[in-house]
Amino acid sequence: MNKATKGAIAAGAAAVLLLGGLGSYALWQDTETVTGGEINSGELNFAPVPGTANWTETSVTPNADLGTDPSTFPIVPGDVLEYSTQYTVNWAGDNLRASITADFTAIGGDPALADALDVVVSVNGGTALPNGSAVALPLTTSPQTISVEVEITFDDQTGGLIAQNESVDLNAFTLTLDQVRP
């Protein structure tokens, strides 16, 4: 055999080896479908119960009923306004816990009056906590009705001409229902 023939055979063998590497190298394999069924997510939401919202001035006896709009009541240092309402909470989930937070930080208006207002929130008559604090909400049955009370106290140490003839817009006051991990 001449050198050219031997070279051609070697080149052909190399090409076959290289092309063999481009193919797939299969091993035995099997796939089964898992019969686990479906998973479903729970829920957590709340909505106000119509006709239950009310404002009351509670620092005087008897308390003054302000109805649904406290704007007609000129608040003065030492006054305490209470907002009370009911919410329907819908929830589903075995490990579900929740809290409610009242947030007055976004209220608009005159800053001197806003700074002179102390806010606490309670749920179902429980412990009142300061603005921005989460109040634990025990979830019992769904749907359940809860009462939320928010107390706004005009600091009685506000003196001089501070916060006089001012207003704040309570329309930016929010309640937030949050899931809490156990």
C-alpha atoms as a PDB file:
ATOM      1  CA  MET A   1       0.000   0.000   0.000  1.00  0.00           C
ATOM      2  CA  ASN A   2       1.347   3.365  -0.869  1.00  0.00           C
ATOM      3  CA  LYS A   3       1.624   6.373   1.375  1.00  0.00           C
ATOM      4  CA  ALA A   4      -1.285   8.191  -0.266  1.00  0.00           C
ATOM      5  CA  THR A   5      -3.664   5.260   0.324  1.00  0.00           C
ATOM      6  CA  LYS A   6      -2.531   4.891   3.925  1.00  0.00           C
ATOM      7  CA  GLY A   7      -3.059   8.653   4.485  1.00  0.00           C
ATOM      8  CA  ALA A   8      -6.551   8.519   2.956  1.00  0.00           C
ATOM      9  CA  ILE A   9      -7.524   5.549   5.174  1.00  0.00           C
ATOM     10  CA  ALA A  10      -6.188   7.342   8.271  1.00  0.00           C
ATOM     11  CA  ALA A  11      -8.064  10.544   7.352  1.00  0.00           C
ATOM     12  CA  GLY A  12     -11.295   8.562   6.782  1.00  0.00           C
ATOM     13  CA  ALA A  13     -10.940   6.780  10.144  1.00  0.00           C
ATOM     14  CA  ALA A  14     -10.361  10.125  11.904  1.00  0.00           C
ATOM     15  CA  ALA A  15     -13.458  11.601  10.224  1.00  0.00           C
ATOM     16  CA  VAL A  16     -15.593   8.614  11.347  1.00  0.00           C
ATOM     17  CA  LEU A  17     -14.345   9.015  14.944  1.00  0.00           C
ATOM     18  CA  LEU A  18     -15.018  12.762  14.946  1.00  0.00           C
ATOM     19  CA  LEU A  19     -18.516  12.354  13.490  1.00  0.00           C
ATOM     20  CA  GLY A  20     -19.302   9.653  16.030  1.00  0.00           C
ATOM     21  CA  GLY A  21     -18.691  12.210  18.810  1.00  0.00           C
ATOM     22  CA  LEU A  22     -21.394  14.507  17.394  1.00  0.00           C
ATOM     23  CA  GLY A  23     -24.190  11.995  17.941  1.00  0.00           C
ATOM     24  CA  SER A  24     -26.029  11.502  21.245  1.00  0.00           C
ATOM     25  CA  TYR A  25     -24.824   9.016  23.769  1.00  0.00           C
ATOM     26  CA  ALA A  26     -28.029   7.536  25.211  1.00  0.00           C
ATOM     27  CA  LEU A  27     -28.397   5.591  28.438  1.00  0.00           C
ATOM     28  CA  TRP A  28     -31.593   3.987  29.664  1.00  0.00           C
ATOM     29  CA  GLN A  29     -34.126   6.428  31.090  1.00  0.00           C
ATOM     30  CA  ASP A  30     -37.752   6.347  32.276  1.00  0.00           C
ATOM     31  CA  THR A  31     -40.220   9.150  33.213  1.00  0.00           C
ATOM     32  CA  GLU A  32     -43.345   8.866  35.352  1.00  0.00           C
ATOM     33  CA  THR A  33     -46.058  11.474  36.032  1.00  0.00           C
ATOM     34  CA  VAL A  34     -46.517  12.422  39.684  1.00  0.00           C
ATOM     35  CA  THR A  35     -50.118  11.990  40.868  1.00  0.00           C
ATOM     36  CA  GLY A  36     -50.017  14.704  43.500  1.00  0.00           C
ATOM     37  CA  GLY A  37     -53.267  16.461  42.614  1.00  0.00           C
ATOM     38  CA  GLU A  38     -53.538  20.246  42.781  1.00  0.00           C
ATOM     39  CA  ILE A  39     -52.428  22.832  45.286  1.00  0.00           C
ATOM     40  CA  ASN A  40     -54.632  25.835  45.938  1.00  0.00           C
ATOM     41  CA  SER A  41     -53.698  29.161  47.446  1.00  0.00           C
ATOM     42  CA  GLY A  42     -55.529  30.664  50.388  1.00  0.00           C
ATOM     43  CA  GLU A  43     -56.760  34.228  50.731  1.00  0.00           C
ATOM     44  CA  LEU A  44     -56.649  37.222  53.054  1.00  0.00           C
ATOM     45  CA  ASN A  45     -58.669  40.377  52.398  1.00  0.00           C
ATOM     46  CA  PHE A  46     -61.037  42.719  54.175  1.00  0.00           C
ATOM     47  CA  ALA A  47     -63.763  45.205  53.326  1.00  0.00           C
ATOM     48  CA  PRO A  48     -65.675  47.752  55.395  1.00  0.00           C
ATOM     49  CA  VAL A  49     -69.149  46.806  56.571  1.00  0.00           C
ATOM     50  CA  PRO A  50     -71.421  49.538  55.127  1.00  0.00           C
ATOM     51  CA  GLY A  51     -73.013  51.868  57.647  1.00  0.00           C
ATOM     52  CA  THR A  52     -70.725  51.017  60.592  1.00  0.00           C
ATOM     53  CA  ALA A  53     -68.145  53.843  60.412  1.00  0.00           C
ATOM     54  CA  ASN A  54     -68.529  56.493  63.103  1.00  0.00           C
ATOM     55  CA  TRP A  55     -66.506  59.281  64.728  1.00  0.00           C
ATOM     56  CA  THR A  56     -67.007  60.131  68.420  1.00  0.00           C
ATOM     57  CA  GLU A  57     -65.435  62.777  70.643  1.00  0.00           C
ATOM     58  CA  THR A  58     -64.701  60.755  73.796  1.00  0.00           C
ATOM     59  CA  SER A  59     -62.950  63.227  76.125  1.00  0.00           C
ATOM     60  CA  VAL A  60     -66.244  64.733  77.304  1.00  0.00           C
ATOM     61  CA  THR A  61     -69.191  63.193  79.118  1.00  0.00           C
ATOM     62  CA  PRO A  62     -71.495  62.400  77.499  1.00  0.00           C
ATOM     63  CA  ASN A  63     -69.497  61.549  74.385  1.00  0.00           C
ATOM     64  CA  ALA A  64     -70.256  63.662  71.334  1.00  0.00           C
ATOM     65  CA  ASP A  65     -71.382  61.661  68.296  1.00  0.00           C
ATOM     66  CA  LEU A  66     -69.783  63.188  65.182  1.00  0.00           C
ATOM     67  CA  GLY A  67     -71.262  60.748  62.667  1.00  0.00           C
ATOM     68  CA  THR A  68     -69.241  59.781  59.608  1.00  0.00           C
ATOM     69  CA  ASP A  69     -67.614  63.175  59.047  1.00  0.00           C
ATOM     70  CA  PRO A  70     -65.552  64.806  61.822  1.00  0.00           C
ATOM     71  CA  SER A  71     -64.837  67.934  59.754  1.00  0.00           C
ATOM     72  CA  THR A  72     -67.580  69.934  61.498  1.00  0.00           C
ATOM     73  CA  PHE A  73     -65.920  69.471  64.896  1.00  0.00           C
ATOM     74  CA  PRO A  74     -63.135  72.008  65.708  1.00  0.00           C
ATOM     75  CA  ILE A  75     -60.648  69.928  67.707  1.00  0.00           C
ATOM     76  CA  VAL A  76     -58.722  71.592  70.567  1.00  0.00           C
ATOM     77  CA  PRO A  77     -55.817  70.394  72.738  1.00  0.00           C
ATOM     78  CA  GLY A  78     -56.955  67.572  75.018  1.00  0.00           C
ATOM     79  CA  ASP A  79     -59.755  66.373  72.704  1.00  0.00           C
ATOM     80  CA  VAL A  80     -59.900  62.695  71.855  1.00  0.00           C
ATOM     81  CA  LEU A  81     -61.588  61.548  68.654  1.00  0.00           C
ATOM     82  CA  GLU A  82     -62.362  57.882  68.128  1.00  0.00           C
ATOM     83  CA  TYR A  83     -63.032  56.330  64.759  1.00  0.00           C
ATOM     84  CA  SER A  84     -64.793  52.997  64.975  1.00  0.00           C
ATOM     85  CA  THR A  85     -65.960  50.724  62.206  1.00  0.00           C
ATOM     86  CA  GLN A  86     -66.378  47.105  61.299  1.00  0.00           C
ATOM     87  CA  TYR A  87     -64.701  45.076  58.589  1.00  0.00           C
ATOM     88  CA  THR A  88     -65.469  41.688  57.126  1.00  0.00           C
ATOM     89  CA  VAL A  89     -62.302  39.590  56.905  1.00  0.00           C
ATOM     90  CA  ASN A  90     -62.238  36.728  54.388  1.00  0.00           C
ATOM     91  CA  TRP A  91     -59.420  34.275  54.872  1.00  0.00           C
ATOM     92  CA  ALA A  92     -58.381  30.718  54.103  1.00  0.00           C
ATOM     93  CA  GLY A  93     -55.173  28.941  55.073  1.00  0.00           C
ATOM     94  CA  ASP A  94     -54.166  26.650  57.916  1.00  0.00           C
ATOM     95  CA  ASN A  95     -51.009  28.606  58.833  1.00  0.00           C
ATOM     96  CA  LEU A  96     -52.510  32.045  58.334  1.00  0.00           C
ATOM     97  CA  ARG A  97     -51.984  34.774  60.931  1.00  0.00           C
ATOM     98  CA  ALA A  98     -52.693  38.464  60.418  1.00  0.00           C
ATOM     99  CA  SER A  99     -52.222  41.959  61.798  1.00  0.00           C
ATOM    100  CA  ILE A 100     -53.779  45.359  61.157  1.00  0.00           C
ATOM    101  CA  THR A 101     -51.815  48.602  61.026  1.00  0.00           C
ATOM    102  CA  ALA A 102     -53.231  52.126  61.079  1.00  0.00           C
ATOM    103  CA  ASP A 103     -51.089  54.616  59.219  1.00  0.00           C
ATOM    104  CA  PHE A 104     -51.489  58.364  59.562  1.00  0.00           C
ATOM    105  CA  THR A 105     -48.059  59.249  58.153  1.00  0.00           C
ATOM    106  CA  ALA A 106     -49.478  60.198  54.750  1.00  0.00           C
ATOM    107  CA  ILE A 107     -52.190  62.555  56.011  1.00  0.00           C
ATOM    108  CA  GLY A 108     -51.985  65.918  54.358  1.00  0.00           C
ATOM    109  CA  GLY A 109     -52.507  69.348  55.771  1.00  0.00           C
ATOM    110  CA  ASP A 110     -50.817  71.592  58.256  1.00  0.00           C
ATOM    111  CA  PRO A 111     -47.755  69.912  59.799  1.00  0.00           C
ATOM    112  CA  ALA A 112     -48.099  71.564  63.243  1.00  0.00           C
ATOM    113  CA  LEU A 113     -51.553  70.033  63.744  1.00  0.00           C
ATOM    114  CA  ALA A 114     -50.487  66.678  62.280  1.00  0.00           C
ATOM    115  CA  ASP A 115     -47.533  66.577  64.693  1.00  0.00           C
ATOM    116  CA  ALA A 116     -49.807  67.353  67.663  1.00  0.00           C
ATOM    117  CA  LEU A 117     -52.064  64.344  66.992  1.00  0.00           C
ATOM    118  CA  ASP A 118     -51.257  61.083  68.784  1.00  0.00           C
ATOM    119  CA  VAL A 119     -52.820  58.017  67.174  1.00  0.00           C
ATOM    120  CA  VAL A 120     -53.447  54.541  68.608  1.00  0.00           C
ATOM    121  CA  VAL A 121     -55.285  51.602  67.067  1.00  0.00           C
ATOM    122  CA  SER A 122     -56.981  48.553  68.565  1.00  0.00           C
ATOM    123  CA  VAL A 123     -58.903  45.611  67.163  1.00  0.00           C
ATOM    124  CA  ASN A 124     -61.933  44.066  68.860  1.00  0.00           C
ATOM    125  CA  GLY A 125     -61.344  46.218  71.948  1.00  0.00           C
ATOM    126  CA  GLY A 126     -57.838  44.813  72.533  1.00  0.00           C
ATOM    127  CA  THR A 127     -54.649  46.598  73.521  1.00  0.00           C
ATOM    128  CA  ALA A 128     -54.231  49.964  71.804  1.00  0.00           C
ATOM    129  CA  LEU A 129     -50.909  50.423  70.014  1.00  0.00           C
ATOM    130  CA  PRO A 130     -49.301  53.580  68.552  1.00  0.00           C
ATOM    131  CA  ASN A 131     -49.584  54.722  64.930  1.00  0.00           C
ATOM    132  CA  GLY A 132     -47.706  52.389  62.620  1.00  0.00           C
ATOM    133  CA  SER A 133     -47.719  49.462  65.072  1.00  0.00           C
ATOM    134  CA  ALA A 134     -49.156  46.156  63.931  1.00  0.00           C
ATOM    135  CA  VAL A 135     -52.105  44.937  66.000  1.00  0.00           C
ATOM    136  CA  ALA A 136     -52.464  41.149  66.032  1.00  0.00           C
ATOM    137  CA  LEU A 137     -55.717  39.917  64.512  1.00  0.00           C
ATOM    138  CA  PRO A 138     -56.889  36.529  65.737  1.00  0.00           C
ATOM    139  CA  LEU A 139     -58.476  34.672  62.827  1.00  0.00           C
ATOM    140  CA  THR A 140     -61.268  32.404  64.043  1.00  0.00           C
ATOM    141  CA  THR A 141     -63.843  31.682  61.325  1.00  0.00           C
ATOM    142  CA  SER A 142     -64.131  32.953  57.783  1.00  0.00           C
ATOM    143  CA  PRO A 143     -65.739  35.268  57.024  1.00  0.00           C
ATOM    144  CA  GLN A 144     -65.498  37.059  60.340  1.00  0.00           C
ATOM    145  CA  THR A 145     -66.489  40.555  61.361  1.00  0.00           C
ATOM    146  CA  ILE A 146     -63.990  42.596  63.340  1.00  0.00           C
ATOM    147  CA  SER A 147     -64.241  46.016  64.953  1.00  0.00           C
ATOM    148  CA  VAL A 148     -61.428  48.510  64.517  1.00  0.00           C
ATOM    149  CA  GLU A 149     -61.021  51.512  66.793  1.00  0.00           C
ATOM    150  CA  VAL A 150     -58.602  54.332  66.054  1.00  0.00           C
ATOM    151  CA  GLU A 151     -58.120  56.961  68.743  1.00  0.00           C
ATOM    152  CA  ILE A 152     -56.725  60.390  67.835  1.00  0.00           C
ATOM    153  CA  THR A 153     -55.666  62.567  70.753  1.00  0.00           C
ATOM    154  CA  PHE A 154     -54.806  66.239  70.315  1.00  0.00           C
ATOM    155  CA  ASP A 155     -51.775  66.635  72.615  1.00  0.00           C
ATOM    156  CA  ASP A 156     -52.932  68.694  75.606  1.00  0.00           C
ATOM    157  CA  GLN A 157     -49.408  70.133  75.942  1.00  0.00           C
ATOM    158  CA  THR A 158     -49.829  72.045  72.662  1.00  0.00           C
ATOM    159  CA  GLY A 159     -49.573  75.666  73.757  1.00  0.00           C
ATOM    160  CA  GLY A 160     -49.263  79.184  72.456  1.00  0.00           C
ATOM    161  CA  LEU A 161     -50.580  79.611  68.939  1.00  0.00           C
ATOM    162  CA  ILE A 162     -49.300  76.224  67.748  1.00  0.00           C
ATOM    163  CA  ALA A 163     -51.745  74.288  65.515  1.00  0.00           C
ATOM    164  CA  GLN A 164     -54.483  76.921  65.716  1.00  0.00           C
ATOM    165  CA  ASN A 165     -56.791  77.410  62.707  1.00  0.00           C
ATOM    166  CA  GLU A 166     -55.174  74.452  60.928  1.00  0.00           C
ATOM    167  CA  SER A 167     -56.525  71.312  59.350  1.00  0.00           C
ATOM    168  CA  VAL A 168     -55.415  67.849  58.322  1.00  0.00           C
ATOM    169  CA  ASP A 169     -57.038  65.659  55.690  1.00  0.00           C
ATOM    170  CA  LEU A 170     -57.877  62.259  57.163  1.00  0.00           C
ATOM    171  CA  ASN A 171     -58.751  60.849  53.732  1.00  0.00           C
ATOM    172  CA  ALA A 172     -55.154  59.582  53.450  1.00  0.00           C
ATOM    173  CA  PHE A 173     -55.518  57.578  56.678  1.00  0.00           C
ATOM    174  CA  THR A 174     -55.153  53.877  55.847  1.00  0.00           C
ATOM    175  CA  LEU A 175     -55.698  50.546  57.530  1.00  0.00           C
ATOM    176  CA  THR A 176     -53.558  47.681  56.236  1.00  0.00           C
ATOM    177  CA  LEU A 177     -54.267  43.994  56.768  1.00  0.00           C
ATOM    178  CA  ASP A 178     -51.038  41.957  56.564  1.00  0.00           C
ATOM    179  CA  GLN A 179     -50.250  38.287  56.677  1.00  0.00           C
ATOM    180  CA  VAL A 180     -47.876  37.419  59.508  1.00  0.00           C
ATOM    181  CA  ARG A 181     -45.857  34.205  59.452  1.00  0.00           C
ATOM    182  CA  PRO A 182     -46.255  32.084  62.612  1.00  0.00           C
END
